[in-house]
Amino acid sequence: MKNFIQNETSQRIIFVGLAILCLIPFVSSPIALALGIILAVFIGNPFEKNLHQYIHLLLQISIVGLGFGLKLNEALQAGKTGLVLTVISIATVMILGYFLGKIFKLDKSLSYLISVGTAICGGSAIAATSPIIKPSTKQISLALAIIFTLNSVALFVYPPIGHFLNLSQEQFGLWCAVGIHDTSSVVGAASKYGNEALKMATTVKLARALWIIPVSIMTMFIFKNKESKIKIPYFIGYFILAILLNTYFPFFESFGSVITVLAKSGLNLTLFFIGSTLSLQTLKTIGIKPLAVAIMLWITISVGSLLYIIH
């Protein structure tokens, strides 16, 4: 499909206008993502080449901002609640991903990237393990395209299912943190469901992201590359610091709600950016076999964690 607007200046104006629109509080996370996808498909993204480096930075800043809306006891309780489910789900996805990769005869590196992205935290996990695995650029792009596509689907599908099953805020937040790959979509779906769901989802997901470290060490032995450096998600430390400041210093508590609102707007902008990179050209690169493996892993972790949470 050709873009309706070919003029780059016009594309830039529309891009900036939609980005500003996503900062307005009444624009929800799914709408922000949808606007990005519509822009990519019908208009074109004039900033696509340079946008990826800002997506992760903006996401990290937004996540740290959300920390000012949490108290330490809430964070500890959420982390404790999700610990067992986190361990079970990560182990299940990594093992199942290995066997599905063998069955579908996927390249070992691509199969591993899809598995680790599904098991831990989407694009961040793929970015952390790629320097160790040393896959081709095409394999990294393919794994990211699959993960971001399924994230987009989850952002629209999870909230209606949660309401249909009458899940509590805490149940839905925990389900999002385990069942959705990338942190941006986890927080986006949870924020649409409610503030308590957002608190649970953010804390459990970031605690889950710390598993990048032991999984990266395991990856070194699997791919026999002990010289690679482990990429540690240091921004989680700033998230914890924000929680501590909000808990023990009334000065920060007084404007914590303002920071939280700004952080949610930043998250919406992040989702708009992500959506704007999902062009038809990107989606066409996704093969049937890797997509089938990713969908099977996603269904397994989504349905399995939901049944665990309910029962």
C-alpha atoms as a PDB file:
ATOM      1  CA  MET A   1       0.000   0.000   0.000  1.00  0.00           C
ATOM      2  CA  LYS A   2       1.386   3.371  -1.009  1.00  0.00           C
ATOM      3  CA  ASN A   3       1.370   6.269   1.403  1.00  0.00           C
ATOM      4  CA  PHE A   4      -1.354   8.806   0.701  1.00  0.00           C
ATOM      5  CA  ILE A   5       1.009  11.679   1.476  1.00  0.00           C
ATOM      6  CA  GLN A   6       4.393  11.616  -0.271  1.00  0.00           C
ATOM      7  CA  ASN A   7       5.638  15.075   0.745  1.00  0.00           C
ATOM      8  CA  GLU A   8       8.114  14.679   3.614  1.00  0.00           C
ATOM      9  CA  THR A   9       7.364  18.104   5.097  1.00  0.00           C
ATOM     10  CA  SER A  10       3.663  17.243   5.318  1.00  0.00           C
ATOM     11  CA  GLN A  11       4.527  13.893   6.873  1.00  0.00           C
ATOM     12  CA  ARG A  12       6.644  15.620   9.519  1.00  0.00           C
ATOM     13  CA  ILE A  13       3.865  18.100  10.368  1.00  0.00           C
ATOM     14  CA  ILE A  14       1.306  15.298  10.739  1.00  0.00           C
ATOM     15  CA  PHE A  15       3.745  13.227  12.816  1.00  0.00           C
ATOM     16  CA  VAL A  16       4.419  16.101  15.243  1.00  0.00           C
ATOM     17  CA  GLY A  17       0.703  16.942  15.449  1.00  0.00           C
ATOM     18  CA  LEU A  18      -0.261  13.363  16.332  1.00  0.00           C
ATOM     19  CA  ALA A  19       2.614  13.113  18.821  1.00  0.00           C
ATOM     20  CA  ILE A  20       1.322  16.244  20.619  1.00  0.00           C
ATOM     21  CA  LEU A  21      -2.207  14.797  20.553  1.00  0.00           C
ATOM     22  CA  CYS A  22      -0.948  11.654  22.327  1.00  0.00           C
ATOM     23  CA  LEU A  23       0.267  13.803  25.230  1.00  0.00           C
ATOM     24  CA  ILE A  24      -3.298  14.900  26.011  1.00  0.00           C
ATOM     25  CA  PRO A  25      -4.668  12.916  29.021  1.00  0.00           C
ATOM     26  CA  PHE A  26      -7.929  11.782  27.353  1.00  0.00           C
ATOM     27  CA  VAL A  27      -5.978   9.877  24.661  1.00  0.00           C
ATOM     28  CA  SER A  28      -5.598   6.315  25.983  1.00  0.00           C
ATOM     29  CA  SER A  29      -2.654   3.990  25.386  1.00  0.00           C
ATOM     30  CA  PRO A  30      -4.414   1.831  22.746  1.00  0.00           C
ATOM     31  CA  ILE A  31      -5.462   4.962  20.836  1.00  0.00           C
ATOM     32  CA  ALA A  32      -1.877   6.287  20.901  1.00  0.00           C
ATOM     33  CA  LEU A  33      -0.598   2.979  19.532  1.00  0.00           C
ATOM     34  CA  ALA A  34      -3.349   2.886  16.891  1.00  0.00           C
ATOM     35  CA  LEU A  35      -2.522   6.423  15.746  1.00  0.00           C
ATOM     36  CA  GLY A  36       1.106   5.375  15.306  1.00  0.00           C
ATOM     37  CA  ILE A  37       0.155   2.326  13.240  1.00  0.00           C
ATOM     38  CA  ILE A  38      -2.242   4.364  11.078  1.00  0.00           C
ATOM     39  CA  LEU A  39       0.499   6.935  10.493  1.00  0.00           C
ATOM     40  CA  ALA A  40       3.005   4.215   9.469  1.00  0.00           C
ATOM     41  CA  VAL A  41       0.594   2.458   7.096  1.00  0.00           C
ATOM     42  CA  PHE A  42      -1.218   5.336   5.404  1.00  0.00           C
ATOM     43  CA  ILE A  43       1.050   8.370   5.715  1.00  0.00           C
ATOM     44  CA  GLY A  44       4.572   7.210   6.439  1.00  0.00           C
ATOM     45  CA  ASN A  45       7.007   7.909   9.258  1.00  0.00           C
ATOM     46  CA  PRO A  46       9.660  10.451   8.207  1.00  0.00           C
ATOM     47  CA  PHE A  47      11.631   9.839  11.433  1.00  0.00           C
ATOM     48  CA  GLU A  48      11.617   6.020  11.437  1.00  0.00           C
ATOM     49  CA  LYS A  49      15.393   5.588  11.026  1.00  0.00           C
ATOM     50  CA  ASN A  50      16.252   7.724  14.064  1.00  0.00           C
ATOM     51  CA  LEU A  51      13.284   6.904  16.280  1.00  0.00           C
ATOM     52  CA  HIS A  52      14.358   3.584  17.817  1.00  0.00           C
ATOM     53  CA  GLN A  53      17.102   5.120  19.962  1.00  0.00           C
ATOM     54  CA  TYR A  54      14.587   7.481  21.592  1.00  0.00           C
ATOM     55  CA  ILE A  55      11.874   4.873  22.202  1.00  0.00           C
ATOM     56  CA  HIS A  56      13.816   3.020  24.913  1.00  0.00           C
ATOM     57  CA  LEU A  57      15.013   6.236  26.568  1.00  0.00           C
ATOM     58  CA  LEU A  58      11.513   7.714  26.733  1.00  0.00           C
ATOM     59  CA  LEU A  59      10.107   4.429  28.040  1.00  0.00           C
ATOM     60  CA  GLN A  60      12.709   4.293  30.810  1.00  0.00           C
ATOM     61  CA  ILE A  61      12.050   7.907  31.858  1.00  0.00           C
ATOM     62  CA  SER A  62       8.293   7.248  31.909  1.00  0.00           C
ATOM     63  CA  ILE A  63       8.704   4.088  33.992  1.00  0.00           C
ATOM     64  CA  VAL A  64      10.849   5.934  36.548  1.00  0.00           C
ATOM     65  CA  GLY A  65       8.161   8.627  36.723  1.00  0.00           C
ATOM     66  CA  LEU A  66       5.536   5.987  37.525  1.00  0.00           C
ATOM     67  CA  GLY A  67       7.631   5.074  40.561  1.00  0.00           C
ATOM     68  CA  PHE A  68       6.514   8.335  42.199  1.00  0.00           C
ATOM     69  CA  GLY A  69       2.989   6.924  42.279  1.00  0.00           C
ATOM     70  CA  LEU A  70       3.990   3.902  44.359  1.00  0.00           C
ATOM     71  CA  LYS A  71       4.709   3.246  48.026  1.00  0.00           C
ATOM     72  CA  LEU A  72       7.389   0.788  49.135  1.00  0.00           C
ATOM     73  CA  ASN A  73       4.947  -1.592  50.836  1.00  0.00           C
ATOM     74  CA  GLU A  74       2.842  -1.729  47.647  1.00  0.00           C
ATOM     75  CA  ALA A  75       5.894  -2.504  45.532  1.00  0.00           C
ATOM     76  CA  LEU A  76       7.143  -5.231  47.884  1.00  0.00           C
ATOM     77  CA  GLN A  77       3.729  -6.871  48.043  1.00  0.00           C
ATOM     78  CA  ALA A  78       3.372  -6.813  44.255  1.00  0.00           C
ATOM     79  CA  GLY A  79       6.855  -8.258  43.761  1.00  0.00           C
ATOM     80  CA  LYS A  80       6.161 -11.017  46.269  1.00  0.00           C
ATOM     81  CA  THR A  81       2.823 -11.845  44.632  1.00  0.00           C
ATOM     82  CA  GLY A  82       4.330 -12.253  41.178  1.00  0.00           C
ATOM     83  CA  LEU A  83       7.559 -14.072  42.115  1.00  0.00           C
ATOM     84  CA  VAL A  84       6.385 -17.690  41.820  1.00  0.00           C
ATOM     85  CA  LEU A  85       4.440 -17.038  38.612  1.00  0.00           C
ATOM     86  CA  THR A  86       7.444 -15.207  37.140  1.00  0.00           C
ATOM     87  CA  VAL A  87       9.819 -18.130  37.744  1.00  0.00           C
ATOM     88  CA  ILE A  88       7.361 -20.719  36.413  1.00  0.00           C
ATOM     89  CA  SER A  89       6.475 -18.705  33.299  1.00  0.00           C
ATOM     90  CA  ILE A  90      10.074 -17.866  32.342  1.00  0.00           C
ATOM     91  CA  ALA A  91      11.191 -21.485  32.684  1.00  0.00           C
ATOM     92  CA  THR A  92       8.160 -22.765  30.755  1.00  0.00           C
ATOM     93  CA  VAL A  93       8.591 -20.353  27.835  1.00  0.00           C
ATOM     94  CA  MET A  94      12.351 -20.911  27.490  1.00  0.00           C
ATOM     95  CA  ILE A  95      11.993 -24.719  27.488  1.00  0.00           C
ATOM     96  CA  LEU A  96       8.945 -24.719  25.194  1.00  0.00           C
ATOM     97  CA  GLY A  97      10.636 -22.216  22.878  1.00  0.00           C
ATOM     98  CA  TYR A  98      13.637 -24.544  22.520  1.00  0.00           C
ATOM     99  CA  PHE A  99      11.494 -27.512  21.475  1.00  0.00           C
ATOM    100  CA  LEU A 100       9.237 -25.459  19.178  1.00  0.00           C
ATOM    101  CA  GLY A 101      12.348 -24.073  17.483  1.00  0.00           C
ATOM    102  CA  LYS A 102      13.499 -27.651  16.844  1.00  0.00           C
ATOM    103  CA  ILE A 103      10.074 -28.753  15.584  1.00  0.00           C
ATOM    104  CA  PHE A 104       9.722 -25.796  13.182  1.00  0.00           C
ATOM    105  CA  LYS A 105      13.431 -25.961  12.239  1.00  0.00           C
ATOM    106  CA  LEU A 106      14.104 -22.336  13.088  1.00  0.00           C
ATOM    107  CA  ASP A 107      17.613 -20.943  13.307  1.00  0.00           C
ATOM    108  CA  LYS A 108      18.873 -21.371  16.875  1.00  0.00           C
ATOM    109  CA  SER A 109      19.593 -17.651  17.342  1.00  0.00           C
ATOM    110  CA  LEU A 110      16.191 -16.506  16.040  1.00  0.00           C
ATOM    111  CA  SER A 111      14.346 -19.107  18.117  1.00  0.00           C
ATOM    112  CA  TYR A 112      16.231 -18.005  21.232  1.00  0.00           C
ATOM    113  CA  LEU A 113      15.541 -14.297  20.637  1.00  0.00           C
ATOM    114  CA  ILE A 114      11.809 -14.934  20.272  1.00  0.00           C
ATOM    115  CA  SER A 115      11.795 -17.132  23.393  1.00  0.00           C
ATOM    116  CA  VAL A 116      13.699 -14.692  25.609  1.00  0.00           C
ATOM    117  CA  GLY A 117      11.628 -11.768  24.330  1.00  0.00           C
ATOM    118  CA  THR A 118       8.415 -13.595  25.213  1.00  0.00           C
ATOM    119  CA  ALA A 119       9.692 -14.906  28.551  1.00  0.00           C
ATOM    120  CA  ILE A 120      11.070 -11.713  30.086  1.00  0.00           C
ATOM    121  CA  CYS A 121      10.459  -8.247  28.675  1.00  0.00           C
ATOM    122  CA  GLY A 122      10.204  -8.132  24.914  1.00  0.00           C
ATOM    123  CA  GLY A 123      12.520  -5.776  23.076  1.00  0.00           C
ATOM    124  CA  SER A 124      14.663  -5.086  26.145  1.00  0.00           C
ATOM    125  CA  ALA A 125      15.484  -8.779  26.574  1.00  0.00           C
ATOM    126  CA  ILE A 126      16.242  -9.137  22.870  1.00  0.00           C
ATOM    127  CA  ALA A 127      18.535  -6.099  23.008  1.00  0.00           C
ATOM    128  CA  ALA A 128      20.288  -7.464  26.115  1.00  0.00           C
ATOM    129  CA  THR A 129      20.994 -10.949  24.752  1.00  0.00           C
ATOM    130  CA  SER A 130      21.783 -10.019  21.126  1.00  0.00           C
ATOM    131  CA  PRO A 131      25.411  -8.993  21.847  1.00  0.00           C
ATOM    132  CA  ILE A 132      25.940 -12.402  23.467  1.00  0.00           C
ATOM    133  CA  ILE A 133      24.234 -14.483  20.769  1.00  0.00           C
ATOM    134  CA  LYS A 134      25.594 -12.320  17.911  1.00  0.00           C
ATOM    135  CA  PRO A 135      22.692 -12.963  15.508  1.00  0.00           C
ATOM    136  CA  SER A 136      22.381 -11.259  12.130  1.00  0.00           C
ATOM    137  CA  THR A 137      20.743  -7.824  11.885  1.00  0.00           C
ATOM    138  CA  LYS A 138      17.859  -9.417   9.987  1.00  0.00           C
ATOM    139  CA  GLN A 139      17.232 -11.906  12.818  1.00  0.00           C
ATOM    140  CA  ILE A 140      17.171  -9.126  15.421  1.00  0.00           C
ATOM    141  CA  SER A 141      14.786  -7.038  13.287  1.00  0.00           C
ATOM    142  CA  LEU A 142      12.562 -10.055  12.679  1.00  0.00           C
ATOM    143  CA  ALA A 143      12.356 -10.952  16.385  1.00  0.00           C
ATOM    144  CA  LEU A 144      11.592  -7.334  17.329  1.00  0.00           C
ATOM    145  CA  ALA A 145       8.934  -7.031  14.605  1.00  0.00           C
ATOM    146  CA  ILE A 146       7.176 -10.177  15.856  1.00  0.00           C
ATOM    147  CA  ILE A 147       7.326  -9.147  19.508  1.00  0.00           C
ATOM    148  CA  PHE A 148       6.096  -5.590  18.855  1.00  0.00           C
ATOM    149  CA  THR A 149       3.281  -6.873  16.625  1.00  0.00           C
ATOM    150  CA  LEU A 150       2.005  -9.275  19.300  1.00  0.00           C
ATOM    151  CA  ASN A 151       2.395  -6.510  21.896  1.00  0.00           C
ATOM    152  CA  SER A 152       0.124  -4.312  19.812  1.00  0.00           C
ATOM    153  CA  VAL A 153      -2.496  -7.057  19.640  1.00  0.00           C
ATOM    154  CA  ALA A 154      -2.263  -7.628  23.400  1.00  0.00           C
ATOM    155  CA  LEU A 155      -2.813  -3.957  24.180  1.00  0.00           C
ATOM    156  CA  PHE A 156      -6.215  -4.127  22.472  1.00  0.00           C
ATOM    157  CA  VAL A 157      -7.212  -7.671  23.507  1.00  0.00           C
ATOM    158  CA  TYR A 158      -6.266  -7.907  27.193  1.00  0.00           C
ATOM    159  CA  PRO A 159      -8.517  -5.185  28.726  1.00  0.00           C
ATOM    160  CA  PRO A 160     -11.778  -6.511  27.173  1.00  0.00           C
ATOM    161  CA  ILE A 161     -10.924 -10.049  28.304  1.00  0.00           C
ATOM    162  CA  GLY A 162     -10.154  -8.752  31.792  1.00  0.00           C
ATOM    163  CA  HIS A 163     -13.534  -7.008  32.006  1.00  0.00           C
ATOM    164  CA  PHE A 164     -15.348 -10.030  30.541  1.00  0.00           C
ATOM    165  CA  LEU A 165     -13.837 -12.318  33.187  1.00  0.00           C
ATOM    166  CA  ASN A 166     -14.412  -9.674  35.869  1.00  0.00           C
ATOM    167  CA  LEU A 167     -10.760  -9.734  36.956  1.00  0.00           C
ATOM    168  CA  SER A 168      -9.830  -7.526  39.893  1.00  0.00           C
ATOM    169  CA  GLN A 169      -7.334  -4.689  39.433  1.00  0.00           C
ATOM    170  CA  GLU A 170      -4.584  -6.746  41.068  1.00  0.00           C
ATOM    171  CA  GLN A 171      -5.375  -9.872  39.039  1.00  0.00           C
ATOM    172  CA  PHE A 172      -5.354  -7.981  35.753  1.00  0.00           C
ATOM    173  CA  GLY A 173      -2.138  -6.137  36.582  1.00  0.00           C
ATOM    174  CA  LEU A 174      -0.399  -9.419  37.408  1.00  0.00           C
ATOM    175  CA  TRP A 175      -1.729 -11.033  34.225  1.00  0.00           C
ATOM    176  CA  CYS A 176      -0.440  -8.133  32.101  1.00  0.00           C
ATOM    177  CA  ALA A 177       3.001  -8.293  33.701  1.00  0.00           C
ATOM    178  CA  VAL A 178       3.350 -11.982  32.889  1.00  0.00           C
ATOM    179  CA  GLY A 179       1.386 -12.401  29.659  1.00  0.00           C
ATOM    180  CA  ILE A 180       2.427  -9.322  27.657  1.00  0.00           C
ATOM    181  CA  HIS A 181       5.988  -9.152  26.363  1.00  0.00           C
ATOM    182  CA  ASP A 182       7.146  -5.544  26.341  1.00  0.00           C
ATOM    183  CA  THR A 183       7.014  -3.169  29.307  1.00  0.00           C
ATOM    184  CA  SER A 184       5.415  -0.387  27.253  1.00  0.00           C
ATOM    185  CA  SER A 185       2.379  -2.501  26.326  1.00  0.00           C
ATOM    186  CA  VAL A 186       2.165  -3.974  29.848  1.00  0.00           C
ATOM    187  CA  VAL A 187       1.900  -0.519  31.399  1.00  0.00           C
ATOM    188  CA  GLY A 188      -0.354   0.702  28.586  1.00  0.00           C
ATOM    189  CA  ALA A 189      -2.901  -2.098  29.032  1.00  0.00           C
ATOM    190  CA  ALA A 190      -2.806  -1.884  32.836  1.00  0.00           C
ATOM    191  CA  SER A 191      -3.252   1.906  32.889  1.00  0.00           C
ATOM    192  CA  LYS A 192      -6.403   1.516  30.787  1.00  0.00           C
ATOM    193  CA  TYR A 193      -7.762  -0.980  33.340  1.00  0.00           C
ATOM    194  CA  GLY A 194      -7.113   1.146  36.447  1.00  0.00           C
ATOM    195  CA  ASN A 195      -4.543   2.668  38.798  1.00  0.00           C
ATOM    196  CA  GLU A 196      -4.214  -0.391  41.049  1.00  0.00           C
ATOM    197  CA  ALA A 197      -3.692  -2.596  38.011  1.00  0.00           C
ATOM    198  CA  LEU A 198      -1.012  -0.163  36.830  1.00  0.00           C
ATOM    199  CA  LYS A 199       0.853  -0.336  40.148  1.00  0.00           C
ATOM    200  CA  MET A 200       0.814  -4.139  40.188  1.00  0.00           C
ATOM    201  CA  ALA A 201       1.783  -4.483  36.528  1.00  0.00           C
ATOM    202  CA  THR A 202       4.650  -1.986  36.641  1.00  0.00           C
ATOM    203  CA  THR A 203       6.260  -3.444  39.754  1.00  0.00           C
ATOM    204  CA  VAL A 204       5.966  -7.105  38.744  1.00  0.00           C
ATOM    205  CA  LYS A 205       7.151  -6.407  35.197  1.00  0.00           C
ATOM    206  CA  LEU A 206      10.254  -4.532  36.338  1.00  0.00           C
ATOM    207  CA  ALA A 207      11.037  -7.230  38.898  1.00  0.00           C
ATOM    208  CA  ARG A 208      10.652  -9.681  36.018  1.00  0.00           C
ATOM    209  CA  ALA A 209      13.032  -7.589  33.884  1.00  0.00           C
ATOM    210  CA  LEU A 210      15.823  -8.227  36.408  1.00  0.00           C
ATOM    211  CA  TRP A 211      15.802 -11.836  35.204  1.00  0.00           C
ATOM    212  CA  ILE A 212      17.665 -10.502  32.166  1.00  0.00           C
ATOM    213  CA  ILE A 213      20.825 -10.847  34.272  1.00  0.00           C
ATOM    214  CA  PRO A 214      20.694 -14.609  35.119  1.00  0.00           C
ATOM    215  CA  VAL A 215      19.258 -15.421  31.678  1.00  0.00           C
ATOM    216  CA  SER A 216      22.124 -13.491  30.029  1.00  0.00           C
ATOM    217  CA  ILE A 217      24.637 -15.511  32.047  1.00  0.00           C
ATOM    218  CA  MET A 218      22.882 -18.703  30.967  1.00  0.00           C
ATOM    219  CA  THR A 219      22.961 -17.453  27.364  1.00  0.00           C
ATOM    220  CA  MET A 220      26.753 -17.101  27.517  1.00  0.00           C
ATOM    221  CA  PHE A 221      27.109 -20.809  28.278  1.00  0.00           C
ATOM    222  CA  ILE A 222      24.474 -21.914  25.755  1.00  0.00           C
ATOM    223  CA  PHE A 223      26.146 -19.996  22.921  1.00  0.00           C
ATOM    224  CA  LYS A 224      29.662 -20.515  24.326  1.00  0.00           C
ATOM    225  CA  ASN A 225      30.548 -16.841  24.390  1.00  0.00           C
ATOM    226  CA  LYS A 226      32.036 -15.939  27.771  1.00  0.00           C
ATOM    227  CA  GLU A 227      33.663 -12.731  26.519  1.00  0.00           C
ATOM    228  CA  SER A 228      30.400 -10.809  26.023  1.00  0.00           C
ATOM    229  CA  LYS A 229      29.246  -8.199  28.504  1.00  0.00           C
ATOM    230  CA  ILE A 230      25.872  -8.424  30.238  1.00  0.00           C
ATOM    231  CA  LYS A 231      23.584  -5.467  29.620  1.00  0.00           C
ATOM    232  CA  ILE A 232      22.005  -4.663  33.003  1.00  0.00           C
ATOM    233  CA  PRO A 233      18.745  -2.618  33.054  1.00  0.00           C
ATOM    234  CA  TYR A 234      20.078   0.078  35.408  1.00  0.00           C
ATOM    235  CA  PHE A 235      16.989   2.272  35.047  1.00  0.00           C
ATOM    236  CA  ILE A 236      15.144  -0.144  37.370  1.00  0.00           C
ATOM    237  CA  GLY A 237      17.371   1.223  40.144  1.00  0.00           C
ATOM    238  CA  TYR A 238      16.045   4.725  39.455  1.00  0.00           C
ATOM    239  CA  PHE A 239      12.496   3.329  39.558  1.00  0.00           C
ATOM    240  CA  ILE A 240      13.195   1.913  43.030  1.00  0.00           C
ATOM    241  CA  LEU A 241      14.740   5.236  44.099  1.00  0.00           C
ATOM    242  CA  ALA A 242      11.573   7.051  42.976  1.00  0.00           C
ATOM    243  CA  ILE A 243       9.478   4.689  45.130  1.00  0.00           C
ATOM    244  CA  LEU A 244      11.716   5.307  48.155  1.00  0.00           C
ATOM    245  CA  LEU A 245      11.573   9.096  47.702  1.00  0.00           C
ATOM    246  CA  ASN A 246       7.786   8.985  47.396  1.00  0.00           C
ATOM    247  CA  THR A 247       7.518   6.754  50.485  1.00  0.00           C
ATOM    248  CA  TYR A 248       9.839   8.493  52.931  1.00  0.00           C
ATOM    249  CA  PHE A 249       9.958  12.140  51.798  1.00  0.00           C
ATOM    250  CA  PRO A 250       6.686  14.105  51.963  1.00  0.00           C
ATOM    251  CA  PHE A 251       8.209  16.743  49.692  1.00  0.00           C
ATOM    252  CA  PHE A 252       8.183  14.318  46.755  1.00  0.00           C
ATOM    253  CA  GLU A 253       4.798  12.901  47.733  1.00  0.00           C
ATOM    254  CA  SER A 254       3.225  16.345  47.324  1.00  0.00           C
ATOM    255  CA  PHE A 255       3.806  16.454  43.572  1.00  0.00           C
ATOM    256  CA  GLY A 256       4.032  12.704  42.906  1.00  0.00           C
ATOM    257  CA  SER A 257       0.613  12.702  41.233  1.00  0.00           C
ATOM    258  CA  VAL A 258       1.776  15.348  38.756  1.00  0.00           C
ATOM    259  CA  ILE A 259       4.868  13.304  37.857  1.00  0.00           C
ATOM    260  CA  THR A 260       2.678  10.213  37.417  1.00  0.00           C
ATOM    261  CA  VAL A 261       0.396  12.050  34.969  1.00  0.00           C
ATOM    262  CA  LEU A 262       3.422  13.234  32.989  1.00  0.00           C
ATOM    263  CA  ALA A 263       4.843   9.705  33.033  1.00  0.00           C
ATOM    264  CA  LYS A 264       1.596   8.290  31.602  1.00  0.00           C
ATOM    265  CA  SER A 265       1.704  10.903  28.842  1.00  0.00           C
ATOM    266  CA  GLY A 266       5.297   9.904  28.139  1.00  0.00           C
ATOM    267  CA  LEU A 267       4.207   6.284  27.942  1.00  0.00           C
ATOM    268  CA  ASN A 268       1.479   7.151  25.426  1.00  0.00           C
ATOM    269  CA  LEU A 269       4.049   8.974  23.320  1.00  0.00           C
ATOM    270  CA  THR A 270       6.308   5.906  23.510  1.00  0.00           C
ATOM    271  CA  LEU A 271       3.487   3.683  22.249  1.00  0.00           C
ATOM    272  CA  PHE A 272       2.796   6.156  19.425  1.00  0.00           C
ATOM    273  CA  PHE A 273       6.470   5.966  18.447  1.00  0.00           C
ATOM    274  CA  ILE A 274       6.384   2.146  18.536  1.00  0.00           C
ATOM    275  CA  GLY A 275       3.232   2.041  16.422  1.00  0.00           C
ATOM    276  CA  SER A 276       4.750   4.416  13.894  1.00  0.00           C
ATOM    277  CA  THR A 277       7.587   1.938  13.250  1.00  0.00           C
ATOM    278  CA  LEU A 278       5.218  -0.962  12.422  1.00  0.00           C
ATOM    279  CA  SER A 279       4.908  -0.302   8.706  1.00  0.00           C
ATOM    280  CA  LEU A 280       3.524  -2.852   6.230  1.00  0.00           C
ATOM    281  CA  GLN A 281       7.049  -3.268   4.904  1.00  0.00           C
ATOM    282  CA  THR A 282       8.195  -4.290   8.386  1.00  0.00           C
ATOM    283  CA  LEU A 283       5.303  -6.711   8.854  1.00  0.00           C
ATOM    284  CA  LYS A 284       5.943  -8.340   5.467  1.00  0.00           C
ATOM    285  CA  THR A 285       9.377  -9.471   6.679  1.00  0.00           C
ATOM    286  CA  ILE A 286       7.766 -11.746   9.281  1.00  0.00           C
ATOM    287  CA  GLY A 287       7.802 -15.383   8.159  1.00  0.00           C
ATOM    288  CA  ILE A 288       5.086 -17.919   8.943  1.00  0.00           C
ATOM    289  CA  LYS A 289       7.252 -20.280  11.031  1.00  0.00           C
ATOM    290  CA  PRO A 290       8.780 -17.719  13.434  1.00  0.00           C
ATOM    291  CA  LEU A 291       5.378 -16.052  13.808  1.00  0.00           C
ATOM    292  CA  ALA A 292       3.751 -19.419  14.560  1.00  0.00           C
ATOM    293  CA  VAL A 293       6.347 -20.170  17.259  1.00  0.00           C
ATOM    294  CA  ALA A 294       5.888 -16.713  18.810  1.00  0.00           C
ATOM    295  CA  ILE A 295       2.087 -17.031  18.819  1.00  0.00           C
ATOM    296  CA  MET A 296       2.236 -20.481  20.434  1.00  0.00           C
ATOM    297  CA  LEU A 297       4.543 -19.188  23.152  1.00  0.00           C
ATOM    298  CA  TRP A 298       2.349 -16.140  23.703  1.00  0.00           C
ATOM    299  CA  ILE A 299      -0.872 -18.181  23.928  1.00  0.00           C
ATOM    300  CA  THR A 300       0.816 -20.596  26.337  1.00  0.00           C
ATOM    301  CA  ILE A 301       2.019 -17.860  28.690  1.00  0.00           C
ATOM    302  CA  SER A 302      -1.226 -15.857  28.410  1.00  0.00           C
ATOM    303  CA  VAL A 303      -3.643 -18.716  29.016  1.00  0.00           C
ATOM    304  CA  GLY A 304      -1.419 -20.489  31.544  1.00  0.00           C
ATOM    305  CA  SER A 305      -0.825 -17.401  33.682  1.00  0.00           C
ATOM    306  CA  LEU A 306      -4.500 -16.426  33.528  1.00  0.00           C
ATOM    307  CA  LEU A 307      -5.582 -19.863  34.767  1.00  0.00           C
ATOM    308  CA  TYR A 308      -2.958 -19.708  37.529  1.00  0.00           C
ATOM    309  CA  ILE A 309      -4.154 -16.261  38.647  1.00  0.00           C
ATOM    310  CA  ILE A 310      -7.844 -17.151  38.614  1.00  0.00           C
ATOM    311  CA  HIS A 311      -7.499 -20.485  40.386  1.00  0.00           C
END
